[in-house]
Amino acid sequence: MPEAEDQDVANPRPGFSRRRFLQGVGVVGVGALIVDHPLARGAQSAARSDTAQGPISGSVQIALNINGQDRTVSVEPRTTLLNALRNNLEPGITGPKLVCDMGTCGACTVLLDGRAVYGCLVLAIDAVGRRITTVEGLGSAEHPSAVQSAFVEKDALMCGFCTPGFVTSISGLLRENPHPTEEQVREACKGNFCRCGTYPRIFEAALAAASTNPAKSG
């Protein structure tokens, strides 16, 4: 179940403060157009303004739990989780893609404590102590997850650049709701854009993956 402070996308949290959101994630000029995306709401709840007790300058060493492993990385306080994963880690994790870098496309989606968020809207220092899962942590070519297998079976990709984000968002949905309806799948994916227009097959793949889950929906 979602945390108490994270209500359904269709029912925005009372007292939502855009200023608090921008201060929390450290992104200036994001614009009000992104706050209706479900992943932007996830980034809002993931951001923590109390991470640092005072001004920090230069680089700091932080430990991030990524795909079940503790990784140490040196970042500036303003570094996003996406850039830390792709550019600061050695070797880097490149599944989450840098596309819009402003929380509108979903290509950078990761799971933070099991919830789908935009990696470009979360500061790396705000992810300390949280469980970070990227598409690499969901499965591999040798042992794909049910969602990854369904994407291949249903041919739910064209250029493939948005695919990791969709796979991650759908995986997050199925962890919370093992047997969603198509409408619920569409809602979960509304923060992800496919410029090739492969949405019907993406939704079909999500439902196919759900059908292989032995858990009963409540």
Protein backbone atom coordinates (compact mmCIF):
# COMPACT_ATOMS: atom_id res chain seq x y z
CA MET A 1 0.00 0.00 0.00
CA PRO A 2 1.20 3.56 -0.63
CA GLU A 3 2.44 5.61 2.27
CA ALA A 4 -0.28 7.62 3.97
CA GLU A 5 1.07 10.88 2.58
CA ASP A 6 1.04 9.56 -0.99
CA GLN A 7 -2.58 9.60 -2.14
CA ASP A 8 -3.79 8.35 -5.50
CA VAL A 9 -2.83 10.46 -8.52
CA ALA A 10 -6.45 11.30 -9.10
CA ASN A 11 -6.70 12.72 -5.55
CA PRO A 12 -3.82 15.16 -5.02
CA ARG A 13 -2.61 15.54 -1.46
CA PRO A 14 -4.30 18.39 0.44
CA GLY A 15 -1.96 21.25 1.19
CA PHE A 16 0.41 20.37 -1.66
CA SER A 17 3.06 23.08 -1.89
CA ARG A 18 4.85 23.64 -5.19
CA ARG A 19 7.50 25.66 -3.35
CA ARG A 20 8.12 22.73 -0.99
CA PHE A 21 8.39 20.39 -3.99
CA LEU A 22 10.94 22.60 -5.76
CA GLN A 23 12.96 23.09 -2.58
CA GLY A 24 12.90 19.37 -1.87
CA VAL A 25 14.19 18.15 -5.22
CA GLY A 26 16.37 21.19 -5.88
CA VAL A 27 15.08 21.75 -9.40
CA VAL A 28 14.31 25.31 -10.43
CA GLY A 29 11.93 26.05 -13.28
CA VAL A 30 10.36 22.61 -13.46
CA GLY A 31 6.99 24.24 -14.06
CA ALA A 32 3.51 23.39 -12.90
CA LEU A 33 2.93 21.23 -15.96
CA ILE A 34 4.79 18.26 -14.46
CA VAL A 35 3.06 17.92 -11.12
CA ASP A 36 0.17 15.98 -12.63
CA HIS A 37 2.49 13.16 -13.68
CA PRO A 38 2.45 10.23 -11.24
CA LEU A 39 6.24 9.94 -11.24
CA ALA A 40 6.60 13.61 -10.42
CA ARG A 41 4.41 13.00 -7.39
CA GLY A 42 6.68 10.11 -6.46
CA ALA A 43 9.72 12.37 -6.69
CA GLN A 44 7.95 14.91 -4.51
CA SER A 45 7.34 12.38 -1.76
CA ALA A 46 10.86 10.95 -2.11
CA ALA A 47 12.58 14.32 -1.68
CA ARG A 48 13.64 15.16 1.86
CA SER A 49 14.58 18.68 2.79
CA ASP A 50 16.15 17.56 6.07
CA THR A 51 18.95 15.51 4.49
CA ALA A 52 21.54 18.22 5.14
CA GLN A 53 21.68 20.16 8.38
CA GLY A 54 23.55 23.07 6.83
CA PRO A 55 25.11 24.35 3.59
CA ILE A 56 27.28 21.83 1.76
CA SER A 57 29.82 22.76 -0.88
CA GLY A 58 32.10 20.68 -3.06
CA SER A 59 31.72 16.92 -3.41
CA VAL A 60 30.55 14.54 -0.72
CA GLN A 61 30.84 10.78 -0.43
CA ILE A 62 27.52 9.01 -0.06
CA ALA A 63 26.44 5.38 0.01
CA LEU A 64 23.53 4.32 -2.18
CA ASN A 65 21.79 0.96 -2.09
CA ILE A 66 21.35 0.14 -5.79
CA ASN A 67 19.81 -3.12 -6.93
CA GLY A 68 20.57 -4.71 -3.57
CA GLN A 69 24.22 -3.59 -3.44
CA ASP A 70 25.75 -0.75 -1.42
CA ARG A 71 27.69 1.55 -3.74
CA THR A 72 29.83 4.51 -2.68
CA VAL A 73 29.80 7.53 -4.95
CA SER A 74 31.16 11.07 -4.83
CA VAL A 75 28.63 13.74 -5.82
CA GLU A 76 27.95 17.42 -5.52
CA PRO A 77 24.85 18.12 -3.37
CA ARG A 78 22.92 19.29 -6.45
CA THR A 79 23.61 16.07 -8.42
CA THR A 80 20.45 14.23 -9.39
CA LEU A 81 20.05 10.53 -8.76
CA LEU A 82 19.94 9.97 -12.52
CA ASN A 83 23.29 11.65 -13.10
CA ALA A 84 24.81 9.89 -10.11
CA LEU A 85 23.76 6.53 -11.54
CA ARG A 86 24.88 7.23 -15.09
CA ASN A 87 27.90 9.49 -14.68
CA ASN A 88 29.28 9.32 -11.13
CA LEU A 89 29.24 5.59 -10.46
CA GLU A 90 32.07 3.49 -11.80
CA PRO A 91 30.93 1.53 -13.71
CA GLY A 92 27.81 3.53 -14.40
CA ILE A 93 24.25 2.25 -14.55
CA THR A 94 22.78 3.28 -17.89
CA GLY A 95 19.32 1.66 -17.90
CA PRO A 96 17.56 4.88 -16.79
CA LYS A 97 17.86 7.27 -19.73
CA LEU A 98 18.60 10.99 -19.75
CA VAL A 99 16.11 12.50 -22.19
CA CYS A 100 14.14 15.57 -21.10
CA ASP A 101 15.91 16.08 -17.74
CA MET A 102 12.85 17.95 -16.45
CA GLY A 103 10.42 15.28 -15.31
CA THR A 104 8.14 14.95 -18.31
CA CYS A 105 9.10 11.83 -20.30
CA GLY A 106 9.66 9.00 -17.79
CA ALA A 107 12.73 7.57 -19.51
CA CYS A 108 14.71 7.96 -16.28
CA THR A 109 12.23 6.05 -14.10
CA VAL A 110 13.62 4.10 -11.15
CA LEU A 111 11.99 2.49 -8.14
CA LEU A 112 12.68 4.18 -4.81
CA ASP A 113 11.59 1.92 -1.96
CA GLY A 114 9.41 0.16 -4.52
CA ARG A 115 7.71 3.32 -5.81
CA ALA A 116 8.26 4.63 -9.34
CA VAL A 117 9.89 8.08 -9.46
CA TYR A 118 11.67 10.26 -11.99
CA GLY A 119 15.41 9.86 -11.42
CA CYS A 120 16.04 13.33 -12.81
CA LEU A 121 13.90 14.97 -10.10
CA VAL A 122 15.41 13.27 -7.06
CA LEU A 123 18.71 14.41 -5.60
CA ALA A 124 21.24 11.65 -5.06
CA ILE A 125 21.69 12.73 -1.43
CA ASP A 126 17.93 12.36 -0.89
CA ALA A 127 18.19 8.70 -1.93
CA VAL A 128 20.62 7.81 0.87
CA GLY A 129 19.08 5.09 3.02
CA ARG A 130 16.48 4.21 0.38
CA ARG A 131 16.27 1.10 -1.81
CA ILE A 132 17.01 2.09 -5.42
CA THR A 133 16.02 -0.34 -8.16
CA THR A 134 16.80 0.28 -11.82
CA VAL A 135 15.75 -1.80 -14.80
CA GLU A 136 19.02 -3.73 -14.44
CA GLY A 137 17.86 -4.90 -11.02
CA LEU A 138 14.56 -6.28 -12.32
CA GLY A 139 16.05 -8.98 -14.52
CA SER A 140 18.75 -9.81 -17.04
CA ALA A 141 18.96 -11.16 -20.57
CA GLU A 142 19.57 -14.61 -19.11
CA HIS A 143 16.89 -14.33 -16.43
CA PRO A 144 14.33 -11.70 -17.48
CA SER A 145 11.47 -10.66 -15.24
CA ALA A 146 7.87 -11.41 -16.19
CA VAL A 147 7.45 -7.83 -17.42
CA GLN A 148 10.61 -7.94 -19.51
CA SER A 149 9.60 -11.29 -21.03
CA ALA A 150 6.13 -9.95 -21.84
CA PHE A 151 7.62 -6.90 -23.60
CA VAL A 152 9.58 -9.25 -25.87
CA GLU A 153 6.65 -11.64 -26.42
CA LYS A 154 4.21 -8.82 -27.27
CA ASP A 155 6.78 -6.83 -29.30
CA ALA A 156 6.11 -3.85 -27.03
CA LEU A 157 9.03 -1.75 -28.20
CA MET A 158 10.20 0.02 -31.33
CA CYS A 159 13.24 2.28 -30.89
CA GLY A 160 13.47 0.98 -27.31
CA PHE A 161 14.69 4.19 -25.72
CA CYS A 162 11.63 4.58 -23.50
CA THR A 163 11.37 0.85 -22.77
CA PRO A 164 13.39 0.76 -19.51
CA GLY A 165 11.16 3.47 -18.05
CA PHE A 166 7.96 1.66 -19.00
CA VAL A 167 9.27 -1.68 -17.71
CA THR A 168 10.20 -0.05 -14.40
CA SER A 169 6.89 1.80 -14.00
CA ILE A 170 4.87 -1.33 -14.78
CA SER A 171 7.02 -3.42 -12.44
CA GLY A 172 6.32 -0.92 -9.67
CA LEU A 173 2.59 -1.12 -10.40
CA LEU A 174 2.52 -4.93 -10.31
CA ARG A 175 4.30 -4.96 -6.95
CA GLU A 176 1.48 -2.88 -5.48
CA ASN A 177 -1.35 -4.31 -7.58
CA PRO A 178 -0.55 -7.77 -9.00
CA HIS A 179 -3.66 -7.86 -11.20
CA PRO A 180 -4.46 -4.36 -12.48
CA THR A 181 -7.08 -3.47 -15.04
CA GLU A 182 -6.05 -1.88 -18.31
CA GLU A 183 -7.26 1.45 -16.98
CA GLN A 184 -4.96 1.09 -13.97
CA VAL A 185 -2.06 0.19 -16.26
CA ARG A 186 -2.73 3.30 -18.33
CA GLU A 187 -2.83 5.41 -15.18
CA ALA A 188 0.49 4.00 -13.97
CA CYS A 189 2.08 4.72 -17.35
CA LYS A 190 0.74 8.24 -17.85
CA GLY A 191 4.08 9.69 -16.75
CA ASN A 192 5.96 7.75 -19.46
CA PHE A 193 6.04 8.86 -23.09
CA CYS A 194 6.61 6.62 -26.13
CA ARG A 195 7.39 8.75 -29.13
CA CYS A 196 6.99 5.73 -31.41
CA GLY A 197 3.39 5.26 -30.24
CA THR A 198 3.68 1.65 -29.08
CA TYR A 199 1.19 2.15 -26.24
CA PRO A 200 -1.31 -0.62 -27.18
CA ARG A 201 1.40 -3.29 -27.10
CA ILE A 202 2.90 -1.87 -23.93
CA PHE A 203 -0.46 -2.14 -22.17
CA GLU A 204 -0.93 -5.63 -23.60
CA ALA A 205 2.48 -6.65 -22.26
CA ALA A 206 1.64 -5.28 -18.80
CA LEU A 207 -1.57 -7.29 -18.64
CA ALA A 208 0.19 -10.41 -19.93
CA ALA A 209 2.83 -10.07 -17.20
CA ALA A 210 0.09 -9.64 -14.60
CA SER A 211 -1.63 -12.82 -15.79
CA THR A 212 1.48 -14.86 -14.90
CA ASN A 213 1.45 -13.59 -11.32
CA PRO A 214 0.05 -16.27 -8.96
CA ALA A 215 -0.91 -13.69 -6.33
CA LYS A 216 -4.60 -12.91 -6.06
CA SER A 217 -5.67 -9.32 -6.31
CA GLY A 218 -7.47 -7.92 -3.31
